[in-house]
């Protein structure tokens, strides 16, 4: 691995700097002496201060980005909206239109490298008994906005790399990403205001559902951040899968919760989620669950070999996340704000998935 840094050190811009991944990426970059300057961009102002770190409030879909990227050696693009799930045209404008604006601004400013937050959700369906590498098709699963958006940006980047061969493009494709301080944010994004976070005790569950074909990988946000930082600081290019072992399936959950399993039809779960969605009890669409059912498992050999990447055990990740749910944990940035009764009432008042929370 060859370092990219100049004599003064790397100047790195992080778009989407205050969310689950952004906060960990910045914390990881701050640890490295070869990083001279970190410029965080987020839609809402941040009060976070640290040596080498500055913040600018800007909207990637609307703001003039060229002055904000000017002079950077690397742009790490993480900015993403999951809500409002009931208005996919809004998330498309940010997640697709905003990403394209970032990449085009980087090209206009002759930025040498961009690192993009893609996802396992960009991948096409695969045999659940195998792990897919980075060469697997990235056509997504059309049942939800999130995989459609990720797959579209992947296709757009194919053309971008052809038009700008001098730009080093890295695409990170992580599995599900958790940490303690993301728990309240992810409860708001996916579970909604009626999830009793403080009562979550996995070991108190007598049964867990056995859903045929449901299997996923989870990774700690800090481990994902280490991969981003390594990609920014070295000369690697291309796509990298980021998934840990073992995969989380029904047997894993039964062992984790010390519970027995009971078979549940995926169709029954989708129907129940559809009712909850239409009743405005949850912000996540039933199509998102359908997407999870069709996600492949990731072969992360390339990340291990080229990024020296070693994720922690998924049990430790889940322990930390569950602890965060029970504590209503968060962080001192707007997206990661801790849980509170007032915030839950706001979620209900604004329509559960009707607006960003």
Protein backbone atom coordinates (compact mmCIF):
# COMPACT_ATOMS: atom_id res chain seq x y z
CA UNK A 1 0.00 0.00 0.00
CA UNK A 2 1.45 3.32 -1.08
CA UNK A 3 0.66 6.51 0.81
CA UNK A 4 -0.90 9.44 -1.06
CA UNK A 5 -0.04 12.20 1.39
CA UNK A 6 1.85 15.33 0.38
CA UNK A 7 4.60 16.97 2.42
CA UNK A 8 2.05 18.81 4.55
CA UNK A 9 -0.23 15.81 5.02
CA UNK A 10 -3.54 14.81 3.52
CA UNK A 11 -6.45 17.20 3.27
CA UNK A 12 -9.68 15.21 3.44
CA UNK A 13 -13.29 16.31 3.00
CA UNK A 14 -15.99 14.14 4.60
CA UNK A 15 -19.52 14.71 3.24
CA UNK A 16 -22.10 13.46 5.69
CA UNK A 17 -19.75 13.95 8.61
CA UNK A 18 -22.15 13.85 11.57
CA UNK A 19 -23.98 10.54 11.12
CA UNK A 20 -23.29 6.98 12.23
CA UNK A 21 -20.37 6.38 9.84
CA UNK A 22 -19.20 9.98 9.48
CA UNK A 23 -18.48 10.48 13.18
CA UNK A 24 -16.42 7.30 13.31
CA UNK A 25 -14.57 8.10 10.08
CA UNK A 26 -13.53 11.49 11.42
CA UNK A 27 -12.48 10.02 14.76
CA UNK A 28 -10.36 7.47 12.92
CA UNK A 29 -8.78 10.07 10.63
CA UNK A 30 -7.91 12.27 13.62
CA UNK A 31 -5.67 9.46 14.89
CA UNK A 32 -3.32 9.60 11.91
CA UNK A 33 -0.38 12.02 11.73
CA UNK A 34 -0.37 11.93 7.93
CA UNK A 35 -3.81 13.59 7.89
CA UNK A 36 -3.29 17.37 8.10
CA UNK A 37 -6.81 18.72 7.68
CA UNK A 38 -10.35 17.31 7.89
CA UNK A 39 -13.26 19.31 6.57
CA UNK A 40 -16.65 17.96 7.63
CA UNK A 41 -19.75 18.81 5.60
CA UNK A 42 -23.24 18.22 7.03
CA UNK A 43 -26.68 19.71 6.40
CA UNK A 44 -27.12 20.71 10.05
CA UNK A 45 -24.48 22.66 12.01
CA UNK A 46 -22.19 20.67 14.30
CA UNK A 47 -20.47 21.92 17.45
CA UNK A 48 -17.81 19.17 17.44
CA UNK A 49 -14.31 20.62 17.77
CA UNK A 50 -10.92 18.94 17.45
CA UNK A 51 -7.46 19.82 16.12
CA UNK A 52 -7.31 19.57 12.32
CA UNK A 53 -11.14 19.50 12.13
CA UNK A 54 -13.56 22.10 10.79
CA UNK A 55 -17.24 21.91 9.83
CA UNK A 56 -19.36 23.56 7.16
CA UNK A 57 -23.16 23.36 7.03
CA UNK A 58 -24.18 22.59 3.43
CA UNK A 59 -26.70 20.49 1.52
CA UNK A 60 -25.07 18.26 -1.09
CA UNK A 61 -28.21 18.40 -3.23
CA UNK A 62 -28.47 22.21 -3.27
CA UNK A 63 -25.26 23.94 -2.19
CA UNK A 64 -22.36 25.05 -4.36
CA UNK A 65 -19.88 22.30 -3.50
CA UNK A 66 -16.83 23.31 -5.50
CA UNK A 67 -15.51 25.86 -2.96
CA UNK A 68 -16.02 23.32 -0.17
CA UNK A 69 -13.99 20.63 -1.92
CA UNK A 70 -11.30 22.91 -3.30
CA UNK A 71 -7.78 21.91 -2.33
CA UNK A 72 -8.71 18.49 -0.99
CA UNK A 73 -6.67 15.36 -1.67
CA UNK A 74 -9.56 12.99 -0.96
CA UNK A 75 -13.33 13.35 -0.73
CA UNK A 76 -15.19 10.74 1.33
CA UNK A 77 -18.88 10.83 0.42
CA UNK A 78 -21.18 9.42 3.10
CA UNK A 79 -24.17 11.81 3.02
CA UNK A 80 -27.41 9.84 2.80
CA UNK A 81 -31.09 10.23 3.74
CA UNK A 82 -33.17 7.22 4.85
CA UNK A 83 -36.16 9.37 5.68
CA UNK A 84 -38.66 10.60 4.66
CA UNK A 85 -39.44 7.06 3.53
CA UNK A 86 -42.93 8.19 2.49
CA UNK A 87 -41.43 10.62 -0.03
CA UNK A 88 -38.86 8.71 -2.12
CA UNK A 89 -38.51 11.67 -4.48
CA UNK A 90 -36.88 13.57 -1.61
CA UNK A 91 -34.40 10.81 -0.79
CA UNK A 92 -33.62 10.39 -4.50
CA UNK A 93 -32.79 14.07 -4.83
CA UNK A 94 -30.32 13.83 -1.94
CA UNK A 95 -28.97 10.32 -2.35
CA UNK A 96 -28.60 10.20 -6.12
CA UNK A 97 -28.64 13.85 -7.17
CA UNK A 98 -26.47 14.90 -4.23
CA UNK A 99 -23.93 12.13 -4.83
CA UNK A 100 -23.62 13.08 -8.49
CA UNK A 101 -23.09 16.72 -7.51
CA UNK A 102 -20.29 15.72 -5.13
CA UNK A 103 -18.53 13.59 -7.73
CA UNK A 104 -18.87 16.21 -10.46
CA UNK A 105 -17.55 18.92 -8.13
CA UNK A 106 -14.60 16.68 -7.26
CA UNK A 107 -13.79 16.25 -10.95
CA UNK A 108 -14.14 19.99 -11.61
CA UNK A 109 -11.72 20.72 -8.75
CA UNK A 110 -9.25 18.02 -9.86
CA UNK A 111 -9.56 16.08 -6.60
CA UNK A 112 -7.27 13.02 -6.92
CA UNK A 113 -9.51 10.53 -5.07
CA UNK A 114 -13.12 9.94 -4.01
CA UNK A 115 -14.32 7.27 -1.60
CA UNK A 116 -18.02 6.46 -1.81
CA UNK A 117 -20.36 4.78 0.68
CA UNK A 118 -22.11 2.14 -1.37
CA UNK A 119 -23.74 -0.85 0.36
CA UNK A 120 -24.46 -4.55 0.33
CA UNK A 121 -27.92 -3.39 -0.82
CA UNK A 122 -26.45 -2.47 -4.22
CA UNK A 123 -25.88 -6.15 -4.99
CA UNK A 124 -28.21 -8.36 -6.95
CA UNK A 125 -29.71 -11.44 -5.32
CA UNK A 126 -27.42 -14.46 -4.97
CA UNK A 127 -27.49 -18.04 -3.76
CA UNK A 128 -27.81 -17.69 0.05
CA UNK A 129 -25.33 -20.52 0.58
CA UNK A 130 -22.44 -18.57 -0.94
CA UNK A 131 -20.59 -15.31 -0.30
CA UNK A 132 -20.25 -12.90 -3.22
CA UNK A 133 -17.11 -10.94 -4.04
CA UNK A 134 -16.86 -7.45 -5.49
CA UNK A 135 -17.44 -8.72 -9.02
CA UNK A 136 -21.06 -9.70 -8.33
CA UNK A 137 -23.65 -7.60 -10.26
CA UNK A 138 -24.84 -4.44 -8.52
CA UNK A 139 -28.39 -4.12 -9.83
CA UNK A 140 -29.99 -3.90 -6.38
CA UNK A 141 -33.47 -5.07 -5.46
CA UNK A 142 -36.28 -2.84 -6.68
CA UNK A 143 -38.70 -3.23 -3.77
CA UNK A 144 -37.38 -0.22 -1.82
CA UNK A 145 -35.84 3.18 -2.49
CA UNK A 146 -32.56 2.44 -0.70
CA UNK A 147 -31.29 -0.38 -2.97
CA UNK A 148 -32.59 1.39 -6.09
CA UNK A 149 -30.62 4.49 -5.18
CA UNK A 150 -27.44 2.59 -4.31
CA UNK A 151 -27.58 0.58 -7.54
CA UNK A 152 -28.17 3.72 -9.64
CA UNK A 153 -25.15 5.49 -8.17
CA UNK A 154 -23.03 2.39 -8.84
CA UNK A 155 -24.03 2.51 -12.52
CA UNK A 156 -23.37 6.24 -12.69
CA UNK A 157 -19.92 5.76 -11.18
CA UNK A 158 -19.08 3.25 -13.91
CA UNK A 159 -19.38 6.03 -16.45
CA UNK A 160 -17.66 8.54 -14.17
CA UNK A 161 -14.57 6.34 -13.88
CA UNK A 162 -14.49 6.00 -17.66
CA UNK A 163 -14.70 9.78 -18.12
CA UNK A 164 -12.18 10.56 -15.37
CA UNK A 165 -9.56 7.80 -15.37
CA UNK A 166 -7.13 9.95 -13.38
CA UNK A 167 -9.47 10.01 -10.35
CA UNK A 168 -8.97 7.15 -7.92
CA UNK A 169 -12.48 5.88 -7.09
CA UNK A 170 -13.11 3.58 -4.12
CA UNK A 171 -16.53 2.05 -3.42
CA UNK A 172 -17.18 0.66 0.05
CA UNK A 173 -19.94 -1.96 0.24
CA UNK A 174 -20.55 -2.66 3.93
CA UNK A 175 -23.13 -4.89 5.55
CA UNK A 176 -25.35 -3.54 8.38
CA UNK A 177 -23.42 -1.02 10.49
CA UNK A 178 -23.96 -0.49 14.23
CA UNK A 179 -22.38 1.13 17.27
CA UNK A 180 -23.67 2.10 20.69
CA UNK A 181 -24.14 5.78 19.91
CA UNK A 182 -26.07 5.05 16.70
CA UNK A 183 -28.76 3.06 18.52
CA UNK A 184 -31.28 5.85 19.07
CA UNK A 185 -30.81 7.21 15.56
CA UNK A 186 -31.36 3.78 14.00
CA UNK A 187 -34.39 3.19 16.21
CA UNK A 188 -35.87 6.42 14.80
CA UNK A 189 -34.95 5.54 11.21
CA UNK A 190 -36.16 1.95 11.10
CA UNK A 191 -38.14 1.03 14.22
CA UNK A 192 -40.14 4.13 14.91
CA UNK A 193 -41.45 5.75 18.09
CA UNK A 194 -43.22 2.67 19.45
CA UNK A 195 -40.13 0.46 19.77
CA UNK A 196 -39.56 0.13 23.55
CA UNK A 197 -35.81 0.59 23.40
CA UNK A 198 -35.25 0.71 27.14
CA UNK A 199 -37.03 -2.63 27.56
CA UNK A 200 -34.96 -4.52 24.99
CA UNK A 201 -33.44 -7.60 26.67
CA UNK A 202 -32.51 -10.32 24.17
CA UNK A 203 -31.98 -12.93 26.87
CA UNK A 204 -35.57 -12.47 28.05
CA UNK A 205 -37.06 -13.59 24.72
CA UNK A 206 -38.51 -17.13 24.92
CA UNK A 207 -38.57 -17.57 21.10
CA UNK A 208 -37.13 -15.95 17.99
CA UNK A 209 -38.65 -16.25 14.52
CA UNK A 210 -37.12 -18.72 12.11
CA UNK A 211 -37.52 -17.09 8.72
CA UNK A 212 -36.32 -19.19 5.83
CA UNK A 213 -33.71 -17.33 3.79
CA UNK A 214 -33.18 -14.52 6.29
CA UNK A 215 -29.46 -14.05 6.94
CA UNK A 216 -27.35 -10.91 7.21
CA UNK A 217 -23.96 -9.66 8.35
CA UNK A 218 -23.34 -6.93 10.91
CA UNK A 219 -20.22 -4.82 11.38
CA UNK A 220 -19.12 -2.26 13.93
CA UNK A 221 -19.07 1.32 12.68
CA UNK A 222 -15.54 1.86 13.95
CA UNK A 223 -14.32 -1.13 11.93
CA UNK A 224 -15.97 0.27 8.81
CA UNK A 225 -14.37 3.64 9.56
CA UNK A 226 -10.94 2.03 9.73
CA UNK A 227 -11.46 0.70 6.19
CA UNK A 228 -12.49 4.14 4.94
CA UNK A 229 -9.47 5.78 6.52
CA UNK A 230 -7.13 3.19 5.04
CA UNK A 231 -8.66 3.68 1.58
CA UNK A 232 -8.28 7.45 1.88
CA UNK A 233 -4.67 7.25 3.01
CA UNK A 234 -3.38 4.69 0.50
CA UNK A 235 -3.50 4.09 -3.24
CA UNK A 236 -6.14 1.36 -3.40
CA UNK A 237 -9.03 1.70 -5.83
CA UNK A 238 -12.18 -0.20 -6.75
CA UNK A 239 -14.80 -1.88 -4.58
CA UNK A 240 -14.42 -3.44 -1.14
CA UNK A 241 -16.91 -5.65 0.69
CA UNK A 242 -17.09 -5.15 4.46
CA UNK A 243 -18.85 -7.98 6.24
CA UNK A 244 -18.05 -10.00 9.38
CA UNK A 245 -18.48 -13.66 10.27
CA UNK A 246 -20.54 -15.51 11.28
CA UNK A 247 -23.65 -14.27 9.53
CA UNK A 248 -26.63 -13.45 11.70
CA UNK A 249 -29.44 -15.89 10.94
CA UNK A 250 -32.17 -17.58 12.98
CA UNK A 251 -29.79 -20.08 14.57
CA UNK A 252 -27.37 -17.30 15.51
CA UNK A 253 -30.17 -15.25 17.09
CA UNK A 254 -31.55 -18.24 18.96
CA UNK A 255 -28.13 -18.88 20.48
CA UNK A 256 -27.56 -15.18 21.16
CA UNK A 257 -30.92 -14.83 22.93
CA UNK A 258 -30.79 -18.29 24.57
CA UNK A 259 -34.18 -18.92 22.99
CA UNK A 260 -35.87 -21.51 20.84
CA UNK A 261 -37.06 -20.81 17.30
CA UNK A 262 -40.52 -20.84 15.78
CA UNK A 263 -41.04 -20.89 12.03
CA UNK A 264 -42.58 -17.75 10.57
CA UNK A 265 -43.45 -17.16 6.93
CA UNK A 266 -41.68 -14.25 5.25
CA UNK A 267 -45.00 -13.38 3.62
CA UNK A 268 -46.64 -13.11 7.05
CA UNK A 269 -43.93 -10.74 8.23
CA UNK A 270 -44.18 -8.64 5.08
CA UNK A 271 -47.96 -8.43 5.48
CA UNK A 272 -47.64 -7.41 9.13
CA UNK A 273 -45.07 -4.76 8.27
CA UNK A 274 -47.33 -3.49 5.50
CA UNK A 275 -50.17 -3.02 7.96
CA UNK A 276 -47.86 -1.27 10.42
CA UNK A 277 -46.52 0.95 7.62
CA UNK A 278 -49.97 1.98 6.41
CA UNK A 279 -51.05 2.58 10.02
CA UNK A 280 -48.01 4.86 10.53
CA UNK A 281 -46.63 2.71 13.31
CA UNK A 282 -43.21 2.19 11.67
CA UNK A 283 -41.12 4.33 9.28
CA UNK A 284 -39.54 1.42 7.40
CA UNK A 285 -41.43 0.23 4.33
CA UNK A 286 -42.29 -3.46 3.87
CA UNK A 287 -40.14 -3.28 0.74
CA UNK A 288 -37.12 -2.71 2.95
CA UNK A 289 -37.72 -6.04 4.70
CA UNK A 290 -38.17 -7.65 1.29
CA UNK A 291 -34.79 -6.18 0.33
CA UNK A 292 -33.12 -7.69 3.41
CA UNK A 293 -34.56 -11.07 2.45
CA UNK A 294 -32.76 -10.87 -0.90
CA UNK A 295 -29.38 -9.49 0.16
CA UNK A 296 -26.35 -11.69 -0.52
CA UNK A 297 -23.69 -12.43 2.06
CA UNK A 298 -20.33 -10.76 1.50
CA UNK A 299 -16.90 -12.24 0.87
CA UNK A 300 -14.56 -9.65 2.43
CA UNK A 301 -11.27 -11.26 1.41
CA UNK A 302 -10.13 -8.24 -0.58
CA UNK A 303 -10.57 -5.86 2.37
CA UNK A 304 -8.71 -8.23 4.67
CA UNK A 305 -5.80 -8.57 2.26
CA UNK A 306 -5.47 -5.03 0.84
CA UNK A 307 -6.73 -2.94 3.78
CA UNK A 308 -5.50 -5.27 6.56
CA UNK A 309 -9.12 -5.16 7.72
CA UNK A 310 -10.20 -7.29 10.68
CA UNK A 311 -13.77 -6.75 11.91
CA UNK A 312 -14.80 -7.68 15.43
CA UNK A 313 -17.17 -10.51 16.28
CA UNK A 314 -20.85 -9.71 15.49
CA UNK A 315 -21.87 -10.77 19.01
CA UNK A 316 -19.84 -7.91 20.44
CA UNK A 317 -21.43 -5.53 17.92
CA UNK A 318 -24.93 -6.60 18.91
CA UNK A 319 -24.11 -6.41 22.62
CA UNK A 320 -23.00 -2.81 22.22
CA UNK A 321 -25.96 -1.84 20.06
CA UNK A 322 -28.54 -3.40 22.38
CA UNK A 323 -26.93 -1.64 25.31
CA UNK A 324 -27.26 1.60 23.39
CA UNK A 325 -30.95 0.96 22.71
CA UNK A 326 -31.65 0.32 26.36
CA UNK A 327 -29.77 3.44 27.41
CA UNK A 328 -31.27 5.68 24.71
CA UNK A 329 -27.67 6.38 23.71
CA UNK A 330 -26.61 8.95 21.17
CA UNK A 331 -23.91 11.48 20.39
CA UNK A 332 -23.49 15.25 20.25
CA UNK A 333 -24.47 15.64 16.59
CA UNK A 334 -28.01 16.24 15.27
CA UNK A 335 -28.41 12.88 13.47
CA UNK A 336 -27.18 10.92 16.51
CA UNK A 337 -29.14 12.81 19.17
CA UNK A 338 -30.01 10.62 22.20
CA UNK A 339 -33.49 9.23 22.69
CA UNK A 340 -36.12 11.15 24.63
CA UNK A 341 -39.89 11.24 25.13
CA UNK A 342 -39.99 14.58 23.35
CA UNK A 343 -38.27 13.14 20.28
CA UNK A 344 -40.65 10.19 20.17
CA UNK A 345 -43.65 12.53 20.33
CA UNK A 346 -42.12 14.53 17.50
CA UNK A 347 -41.86 11.35 15.39
CA UNK A 348 -45.55 10.63 15.96
CA UNK A 349 -46.57 14.24 15.33
CA UNK A 350 -44.66 14.42 12.04
CA UNK A 351 -46.20 11.22 10.66
CA UNK A 352 -43.66 8.41 11.28
CA UNK A 353 -41.59 8.44 8.10
CA UNK A 354 -43.20 11.59 6.74
CA UNK A 355 -40.20 13.77 7.56
CA UNK A 356 -36.58 13.40 8.51
CA UNK A 357 -36.04 12.87 12.26
